[in-house]
Amino acid sequence: MRLPWLLVNVSRNKSRGIKGCNMAVWRSDLLRINGFDSAMTAPGGAEDTDVQWRLEAIGCAKAAMLGRACVFHLHHPKTRVDPGTRQRIRERQLKNEFRVADGIETHENAQTQAP
């Protein structure tokens, strides 16, 4: 159901985080940060926060699509963020590391070397 008169103009500067299931990123920007960190395997959604921080650190702006995009959600139980994952993100932020070592390039290389 679309109700254009209900659209809300949400500020780009809101401190609200992104959700990986609902985000879109230019491929070139995602490659600059080497995508998601594959070493983050614990459930909890912190990898979204990590990608958001790294994209903003290289100059990407966040824009809200509230009321302007369709979303389908599959229900799942909520999980807590692994404390080790939070620590990993904090350390990356302190070091100003915008690219991850175990990201897109690692997996592209593995696919090209597969028999």
N, C-alpha and C. Protein backbone atom coordinates (compact mmCIF):
# COMPACT_ATOMS: atom_id res chain seq x y z
N MET A 1 0.84 -1.17 0.00
CA MET A 1 0.00 0.00 0.00
C MET A 1 0.89 1.24 0.00
N ARG A 2 0.66 2.13 -0.94
CA ARG A 2 1.46 3.34 -1.01
C ARG A 2 0.58 4.53 -0.67
N LEU A 3 1.03 5.34 0.24
CA LEU A 3 0.32 6.56 0.62
C LEU A 3 1.32 7.72 0.53
N PRO A 4 1.53 8.29 -0.68
CA PRO A 4 2.56 9.31 -0.85
C PRO A 4 2.40 10.51 0.08
N TRP A 5 1.19 10.82 0.48
CA TRP A 5 0.98 11.97 1.35
C TRP A 5 1.47 11.71 2.77
N LEU A 6 1.79 10.43 3.09
CA LEU A 6 2.30 10.11 4.42
C LEU A 6 3.83 10.07 4.47
N LEU A 7 4.47 10.32 3.34
CA LEU A 7 5.93 10.25 3.33
C LEU A 7 6.52 11.19 4.36
N VAL A 8 7.51 10.69 5.04
CA VAL A 8 8.17 11.47 6.08
C VAL A 8 9.57 11.80 5.60
N ASN A 9 9.95 13.06 5.70
CA ASN A 9 11.31 13.44 5.31
C ASN A 9 12.21 13.23 6.51
N VAL A 10 13.01 12.19 6.47
CA VAL A 10 13.90 11.85 7.58
C VAL A 10 15.27 12.46 7.31
N SER A 11 15.82 13.11 8.31
CA SER A 11 17.13 13.74 8.17
C SER A 11 18.21 12.72 7.89
N ARG A 12 19.17 13.07 7.01
CA ARG A 12 20.31 12.21 6.72
C ARG A 12 21.24 12.11 7.93
N ASN A 13 21.16 13.02 8.85
CA ASN A 13 22.10 13.05 9.97
C ASN A 13 21.59 12.33 11.21
N LYS A 14 20.46 11.66 11.12
CA LYS A 14 19.98 10.92 12.28
C LYS A 14 20.98 9.86 12.67
N SER A 15 21.11 9.60 13.94
CA SER A 15 22.10 8.64 14.42
C SER A 15 21.64 7.20 14.30
N ARG A 16 20.50 6.98 13.69
CA ARG A 16 19.96 5.65 13.51
C ARG A 16 20.89 4.80 12.64
N GLY A 17 21.12 3.57 13.02
CA GLY A 17 22.00 2.70 12.26
C GLY A 17 21.32 2.09 11.06
N ILE A 18 22.11 1.48 10.20
CA ILE A 18 21.55 0.82 9.03
C ILE A 18 21.25 -0.64 9.36
N LYS A 19 20.48 -1.26 8.52
CA LYS A 19 20.21 -2.68 8.63
C LYS A 19 20.65 -3.30 7.31
N GLY A 20 21.54 -4.28 7.39
CA GLY A 20 22.10 -4.89 6.19
C GLY A 20 21.06 -5.45 5.24
N CYS A 21 19.93 -5.87 5.77
CA CYS A 21 18.89 -6.43 4.90
C CYS A 21 18.20 -5.35 4.08
N ASN A 22 18.34 -4.11 4.47
CA ASN A 22 17.61 -3.03 3.80
C ASN A 22 18.53 -1.98 3.19
N MET A 23 19.78 -2.28 2.98
CA MET A 23 20.67 -1.23 2.50
C MET A 23 21.06 -1.45 1.04
N ALA A 24 21.41 -0.37 0.40
CA ALA A 24 21.93 -0.42 -0.96
C ALA A 24 23.20 0.43 -0.97
N VAL A 25 24.21 -0.06 -1.66
CA VAL A 25 25.51 0.62 -1.70
C VAL A 25 26.04 0.53 -3.12
N TRP A 26 26.69 1.59 -3.57
CA TRP A 26 27.36 1.51 -4.86
C TRP A 26 28.46 0.46 -4.78
N ARG A 27 28.58 -0.33 -5.81
CA ARG A 27 29.59 -1.40 -5.85
C ARG A 27 30.99 -0.85 -5.64
N SER A 28 31.29 0.27 -6.27
CA SER A 28 32.63 0.87 -6.15
C SER A 28 32.95 1.23 -4.70
N ASP A 29 31.95 1.71 -3.96
CA ASP A 29 32.17 2.06 -2.55
C ASP A 29 32.38 0.80 -1.70
N LEU A 30 31.59 -0.23 -1.97
CA LEU A 30 31.74 -1.48 -1.22
C LEU A 30 33.10 -2.12 -1.48
N LEU A 31 33.58 -2.02 -2.71
CA LEU A 31 34.90 -2.56 -3.03
C LEU A 31 36.02 -1.76 -2.36
N ARG A 32 35.81 -0.46 -2.18
CA ARG A 32 36.83 0.37 -1.51
C ARG A 32 37.08 -0.07 -0.08
N ILE A 33 36.02 -0.58 0.58
CA ILE A 33 36.18 -1.03 1.97
C ILE A 33 36.34 -2.55 2.04
N ASN A 34 36.33 -3.21 0.89
CA ASN A 34 36.46 -4.67 0.78
C ASN A 34 35.27 -5.40 1.39
N GLY A 35 34.11 -4.78 1.39
CA GLY A 35 32.86 -5.41 1.81
C GLY A 35 32.78 -5.74 3.28
N PHE A 36 31.95 -6.72 3.58
CA PHE A 36 31.76 -7.18 4.95
C PHE A 36 32.97 -7.96 5.42
N ASP A 37 33.20 -7.96 6.71
CA ASP A 37 34.30 -8.69 7.31
C ASP A 37 33.86 -10.14 7.52
N SER A 38 34.40 -11.06 6.74
CA SER A 38 34.01 -12.48 6.83
C SER A 38 34.41 -13.12 8.15
N ALA A 39 35.32 -12.50 8.88
CA ALA A 39 35.75 -13.05 10.17
C ALA A 39 34.67 -12.86 11.23
N MET A 40 33.69 -11.99 10.98
CA MET A 40 32.60 -11.78 11.93
C MET A 40 31.53 -12.82 11.66
N THR A 41 31.56 -13.90 12.42
CA THR A 41 30.61 -14.99 12.19
C THR A 41 29.55 -15.11 13.28
N ALA A 42 29.72 -14.41 14.39
CA ALA A 42 28.73 -14.49 15.48
C ALA A 42 27.48 -13.73 15.08
N PRO A 43 26.30 -14.26 15.42
CA PRO A 43 25.06 -13.55 15.10
C PRO A 43 24.93 -12.28 15.93
N GLY A 44 24.09 -11.37 15.44
CA GLY A 44 23.82 -10.19 16.23
C GLY A 44 23.78 -8.89 15.48
N GLY A 45 24.18 -8.86 14.23
CA GLY A 45 24.02 -7.66 13.43
C GLY A 45 25.10 -6.62 13.54
N ALA A 46 26.18 -6.86 14.26
CA ALA A 46 27.22 -5.85 14.41
C ALA A 46 27.96 -5.61 13.11
N GLU A 47 27.94 -6.59 12.19
CA GLU A 47 28.64 -6.39 10.93
C GLU A 47 28.01 -5.26 10.12
N ASP A 48 26.72 -5.01 10.30
CA ASP A 48 26.07 -3.88 9.64
C ASP A 48 26.64 -2.56 10.15
N THR A 49 26.80 -2.47 11.46
CA THR A 49 27.37 -1.27 12.07
C THR A 49 28.79 -1.03 11.58
N ASP A 50 29.55 -2.10 11.47
CA ASP A 50 30.92 -2.00 10.99
C ASP A 50 30.97 -1.47 9.56
N VAL A 51 30.14 -2.02 8.67
CA VAL A 51 30.10 -1.55 7.28
C VAL A 51 29.65 -0.10 7.22
N GLN A 52 28.64 0.25 8.01
CA GLN A 52 28.16 1.64 8.02
C GLN A 52 29.28 2.59 8.42
N TRP A 53 29.99 2.26 9.48
CA TRP A 53 31.07 3.14 9.95
C TRP A 53 32.14 3.29 8.88
N ARG A 54 32.54 2.18 8.26
CA ARG A 54 33.60 2.24 7.26
C ARG A 54 33.16 3.00 6.01
N LEU A 55 31.90 2.85 5.59
CA LEU A 55 31.40 3.60 4.44
C LEU A 55 31.36 5.10 4.74
N GLU A 56 30.88 5.45 5.93
CA GLU A 56 30.84 6.87 6.31
C GLU A 56 32.25 7.44 6.43
N ALA A 57 33.20 6.60 6.88
CA ALA A 57 34.59 7.05 7.04
C ALA A 57 35.25 7.39 5.70
N ILE A 58 34.79 6.74 4.61
CA ILE A 58 35.37 7.06 3.30
C ILE A 58 34.55 8.11 2.57
N GLY A 59 33.53 8.67 3.25
CA GLY A 59 32.79 9.79 2.68
C GLY A 59 31.42 9.48 2.11
N CYS A 60 30.91 8.27 2.30
CA CYS A 60 29.58 7.93 1.80
C CYS A 60 28.52 8.50 2.74
N ALA A 61 27.50 9.09 2.16
CA ALA A 61 26.41 9.64 2.96
C ALA A 61 25.28 8.63 3.08
N LYS A 62 24.61 8.66 4.20
CA LYS A 62 23.48 7.76 4.47
C LYS A 62 22.20 8.52 4.15
N ALA A 63 21.26 7.88 3.49
CA ALA A 63 19.97 8.49 3.20
C ALA A 63 18.86 7.52 3.59
N ALA A 64 17.86 8.03 4.26
CA ALA A 64 16.74 7.19 4.70
C ALA A 64 15.73 7.03 3.58
N MET A 65 15.14 5.86 3.50
CA MET A 65 14.12 5.57 2.49
C MET A 65 12.76 5.34 3.13
N LEU A 66 12.57 5.81 4.33
CA LEU A 66 11.33 5.57 5.06
C LEU A 66 10.12 5.98 4.22
N GLY A 67 9.27 5.03 3.95
CA GLY A 67 8.06 5.31 3.19
C GLY A 67 8.28 5.35 1.68
N ARG A 68 9.51 5.12 1.21
CA ARG A 68 9.78 5.23 -0.22
C ARG A 68 10.29 3.92 -0.82
N ALA A 69 10.32 2.86 -0.06
CA ALA A 69 10.79 1.57 -0.59
C ALA A 69 10.00 0.45 0.07
N CYS A 70 9.79 -0.62 -0.68
CA CYS A 70 9.08 -1.78 -0.14
C CYS A 70 10.07 -2.70 0.56
N VAL A 71 9.65 -3.24 1.68
CA VAL A 71 10.50 -4.15 2.44
C VAL A 71 9.67 -5.36 2.84
N PHE A 72 10.26 -6.54 2.68
CA PHE A 72 9.63 -7.77 3.14
C PHE A 72 10.54 -8.34 4.21
N HIS A 73 9.99 -8.68 5.36
CA HIS A 73 10.80 -9.14 6.48
C HIS A 73 10.40 -10.55 6.87
N LEU A 74 11.38 -11.40 7.06
CA LEU A 74 11.13 -12.73 7.58
C LEU A 74 11.38 -12.70 9.08
N HIS A 75 10.40 -13.10 9.86
CA HIS A 75 10.56 -13.06 11.30
C HIS A 75 11.66 -14.02 11.75
N HIS A 76 12.46 -13.55 12.70
CA HIS A 76 13.50 -14.38 13.30
C HIS A 76 13.73 -13.89 14.72
N PRO A 77 14.19 -14.76 15.59
CA PRO A 77 14.44 -14.32 16.97
C PRO A 77 15.58 -13.32 17.02
N LYS A 78 15.45 -12.36 17.93
CA LYS A 78 16.51 -11.37 18.10
C LYS A 78 17.73 -12.02 18.75
N THR A 79 18.89 -11.53 18.39
CA THR A 79 20.13 -12.04 18.98
C THR A 79 20.93 -10.89 19.56
N ARG A 80 21.76 -11.21 20.52
CA ARG A 80 22.63 -10.20 21.12
C ARG A 80 23.95 -10.19 20.37
N VAL A 81 24.52 -8.99 20.29
CA VAL A 81 25.80 -8.85 19.61
C VAL A 81 26.90 -9.45 20.47
N ASP A 82 27.73 -10.24 19.86
CA ASP A 82 28.86 -10.88 20.53
C ASP A 82 29.82 -9.80 21.03
N PRO A 83 30.20 -9.82 22.32
CA PRO A 83 31.13 -8.80 22.86
C PRO A 83 32.46 -8.77 22.11
N GLY A 84 32.94 -9.91 21.65
CA GLY A 84 34.18 -9.95 20.89
C GLY A 84 34.07 -9.19 19.57
N THR A 85 32.89 -9.26 18.96
CA THR A 85 32.65 -8.54 17.70
C THR A 85 32.65 -7.04 17.95
N ARG A 86 32.00 -6.62 19.03
CA ARG A 86 32.00 -5.18 19.38
C ARG A 86 33.43 -4.68 19.60
N GLN A 87 34.23 -5.47 20.29
CA GLN A 87 35.62 -5.09 20.56
C GLN A 87 36.41 -4.98 19.25
N ARG A 88 36.18 -5.91 18.36
CA ARG A 88 36.86 -5.90 17.06
C ARG A 88 36.54 -4.61 16.29
N ILE A 89 35.27 -4.21 16.32
CA ILE A 89 34.86 -2.97 15.64
C ILE A 89 35.52 -1.76 16.30
N ARG A 90 35.51 -1.71 17.65
CA ARG A 90 36.15 -0.58 18.36
C ARG A 90 37.62 -0.46 18.00
N GLU A 91 38.32 -1.58 17.96
CA GLU A 91 39.75 -1.57 17.62
C GLU A 91 39.96 -1.06 16.20
N ARG A 92 39.11 -1.48 15.29
CA ARG A 92 39.20 -1.02 13.89
C ARG A 92 38.99 0.48 13.81
N GLN A 93 38.02 0.99 14.58
CA GLN A 93 37.74 2.42 14.57
C GLN A 93 38.91 3.21 15.15
N LEU A 94 39.51 2.72 16.23
CA LEU A 94 40.66 3.41 16.82
C LEU A 94 41.85 3.47 15.88
N LYS A 95 42.01 2.43 15.06
CA LYS A 95 43.13 2.37 14.12
C LYS A 95 42.80 3.04 12.78
N ASN A 96 41.54 3.52 12.63
CA ASN A 96 41.07 4.09 11.36
C ASN A 96 41.28 3.14 10.19
N GLU A 97 40.95 1.88 10.39
CA GLU A 97 41.05 0.88 9.33
C GLU A 97 39.72 0.84 8.59
N PHE A 98 39.74 1.23 7.32
CA PHE A 98 38.51 1.28 6.55
C PHE A 98 38.33 0.03 5.68
N ARG A 99 39.41 -0.66 5.41
CA ARG A 99 39.34 -1.90 4.60
C ARG A 99 39.56 -3.10 5.51
N VAL A 100 38.83 -4.17 5.24
CA VAL A 100 39.03 -5.41 5.99
C VAL A 100 39.91 -6.35 5.18
N ALA A 101 40.64 -7.20 5.87
CA ALA A 101 41.53 -8.15 5.20
C ALA A 101 40.74 -9.31 4.60
N ASP A 102 39.73 -9.78 5.33
CA ASP A 102 38.96 -10.95 4.91
C ASP A 102 37.60 -10.51 4.39
N GLY A 103 37.59 -9.98 3.18
CA GLY A 103 36.35 -9.46 2.60
C GLY A 103 36.11 -9.98 1.20
N ILE A 104 35.58 -9.13 0.35
CA ILE A 104 35.22 -9.50 -1.02
C ILE A 104 36.40 -10.07 -1.78
N GLU A 105 37.54 -9.39 -1.73
CA GLU A 105 38.70 -9.82 -2.52
C GLU A 105 39.15 -11.23 -2.14
N THR A 106 39.09 -11.57 -0.87
CA THR A 106 39.47 -12.91 -0.42
C THR A 106 38.61 -13.97 -1.10
N HIS A 107 37.31 -13.72 -1.15
CA HIS A 107 36.38 -14.69 -1.72
C HIS A 107 36.46 -14.72 -3.24
N GLU A 108 36.71 -13.59 -3.88
CA GLU A 108 36.88 -13.57 -5.34
C GLU A 108 38.12 -14.38 -5.73
N ASN A 109 39.20 -14.21 -4.98
CA ASN A 109 40.43 -14.96 -5.25
C ASN A 109 40.24 -16.45 -5.05
N ALA A 110 39.49 -16.82 -4.03
CA ALA A 110 39.23 -18.25 -3.75
C ALA A 110 38.41 -18.88 -4.87
N GLN A 111 37.48 -18.13 -5.43
CA GLN A 111 36.65 -18.67 -6.51
C GLN A 111 37.46 -18.85 -7.80
N THR A 112 38.38 -17.93 -8.08
CA THR A 112 39.17 -18.06 -9.30
C THR A 112 40.20 -19.19 -9.20
N GLN A 113 40.59 -19.57 -7.98
CA GLN A 113 41.56 -20.63 -7.79
C GLN A 113 40.93 -22.01 -7.61
N ALA A 114 39.60 -22.04 -7.50
CA ALA A 114 38.91 -23.33 -7.31
C ALA A 114 39.03 -24.18 -8.57
N PRO A 115 39.13 -25.53 -8.43
CA PRO A 115 39.27 -26.41 -9.60
C PRO A 115 38.02 -26.46 -10.45
